[in-house]
Amino acid sequence: MKRRTTLRAIFAAPAAICALSVVGLVSALTGDGLPDVIAWAMLAVPMLVVIWAMTTDRS
């Protein structure tokens, strides 16, 4: 019997990626210096997730 997956489990990772992207975009707009570093780090997360998903064998 298959275990039922909840909506929370399905959308947890995309919601976290979205939140990190929003934090990155807002910090990029609010200042220079440290906010720029935070923006680069937060906006790199979606790219790293895509690279990980493309290179990982999940069969």
C-alpha atoms as a PDB file:
ATOM      1  CA  MET A   1       0.000   0.000   0.000  1.00  0.00           C
ATOM      2  CA  LYS A   2       1.371   3.409  -0.950  1.00  0.00           C
ATOM      3  CA  ARG A   3       1.775   6.068   1.646  1.00  0.00           C
ATOM      4  CA  ARG A   4      -0.243   9.201   0.960  1.00  0.00           C
ATOM      5  CA  THR A   5       1.816  12.351   0.432  1.00  0.00           C
ATOM      6  CA  THR A   6       0.484  15.556   1.954  1.00  0.00           C
ATOM      7  CA  LEU A   7       0.442  18.922   0.243  1.00  0.00           C
ATOM      8  CA  ARG A   8       2.837  20.209   2.891  1.00  0.00           C
ATOM      9  CA  ALA A   9       5.398  17.566   1.949  1.00  0.00           C
ATOM     10  CA  ILE A  10       4.955  18.227  -1.767  1.00  0.00           C
ATOM     11  CA  PHE A  11       5.321  21.996  -1.585  1.00  0.00           C
ATOM     12  CA  ALA A  12       7.860  22.337   1.259  1.00  0.00           C
ATOM     13  CA  ALA A  13      10.959  22.518  -0.945  1.00  0.00           C
ATOM     14  CA  PRO A  14       9.468  24.849  -3.594  1.00  0.00           C
ATOM     15  CA  ALA A  15       8.154  27.159  -0.852  1.00  0.00           C
ATOM     16  CA  ALA A  16      11.587  27.282   0.779  1.00  0.00           C
ATOM     17  CA  ILE A  17      13.261  28.044  -2.557  1.00  0.00           C
ATOM     18  CA  CYS A  18      10.695  30.790  -3.191  1.00  0.00           C
ATOM     19  CA  ALA A  19      11.270  32.315   0.253  1.00  0.00           C
ATOM     20  CA  LEU A  20      15.050  32.320  -0.234  1.00  0.00           C
ATOM     21  CA  SER A  21      14.635  33.945  -3.647  1.00  0.00           C
ATOM     22  CA  VAL A  22      12.397  36.669  -2.224  1.00  0.00           C
ATOM     23  CA  VAL A  23      14.889  37.372   0.570  1.00  0.00           C
ATOM     24  CA  GLY A  24      17.651  37.567  -2.032  1.00  0.00           C
ATOM     25  CA  LEU A  25      15.720  39.951  -4.258  1.00  0.00           C
ATOM     26  CA  VAL A  26      14.722  42.223  -1.383  1.00  0.00           C
ATOM     27  CA  SER A  27      18.244  42.338   0.016  1.00  0.00           C
ATOM     28  CA  ALA A  28      19.588  43.178  -3.452  1.00  0.00           C
ATOM     29  CA  LEU A  29      17.257  46.160  -3.605  1.00  0.00           C
ATOM     30  CA  THR A  30      17.881  47.461  -0.090  1.00  0.00           C
ATOM     31  CA  GLY A  31      21.580  48.167   0.057  1.00  0.00           C
ATOM     32  CA  ASP A  32      25.192  47.662  -0.911  1.00  0.00           C
ATOM     33  CA  GLY A  33      27.920  45.609   0.682  1.00  0.00           C
ATOM     34  CA  LEU A  34      26.610  42.852   2.959  1.00  0.00           C
ATOM     35  CA  PRO A  35      23.082  42.899   1.465  1.00  0.00           C
ATOM     36  CA  ASP A  36      24.641  42.244  -1.944  1.00  0.00           C
ATOM     37  CA  VAL A  37      26.500  39.224  -0.568  1.00  0.00           C
ATOM     38  CA  ILE A  38      23.282  37.928   0.971  1.00  0.00           C
ATOM     39  CA  ALA A  39      21.487  38.484  -2.343  1.00  0.00           C
ATOM     40  CA  TRP A  40      24.107  36.532  -4.294  1.00  0.00           C
ATOM     41  CA  ALA A  41      23.947  33.662  -1.815  1.00  0.00           C
ATOM     42  CA  MET A  42      20.157  33.494  -1.744  1.00  0.00           C
ATOM     43  CA  LEU A  43      19.779  33.808  -5.520  1.00  0.00           C
ATOM     44  CA  ALA A  44      22.352  31.065  -6.090  1.00  0.00           C
ATOM     45  CA  VAL A  45      20.213  28.525  -4.218  1.00  0.00           C
ATOM     46  CA  PRO A  46      17.693  27.907  -7.055  1.00  0.00           C
ATOM     47  CA  MET A  47      20.520  27.412  -9.548  1.00  0.00           C
ATOM     48  CA  LEU A  48      22.275  24.976  -7.230  1.00  0.00           C
ATOM     49  CA  VAL A  49      19.036  23.045  -6.704  1.00  0.00           C
ATOM     50  CA  VAL A  50      18.531  22.740 -10.463  1.00  0.00           C
ATOM     51  CA  ILE A  51      22.121  21.566 -10.956  1.00  0.00           C
ATOM     52  CA  TRP A  52      21.697  19.035  -8.150  1.00  0.00           C
ATOM     53  CA  ALA A  53      18.406  17.766  -9.612  1.00  0.00           C
ATOM     54  CA  MET A  54      19.910  17.374 -13.080  1.00  0.00           C
ATOM     55  CA  THR A  55      22.969  15.483 -11.890  1.00  0.00           C
ATOM     56  CA  THR A  56      21.367  13.222  -9.269  1.00  0.00           C
ATOM     57  CA  ASP A  57      20.055   9.815 -10.281  1.00  0.00           C
ATOM     58  CA  ARG A  58      16.778   9.458  -8.387  1.00  0.00           C
ATOM     59  CA  SER A  59      15.431   6.250  -9.902  1.00  0.00           C
END
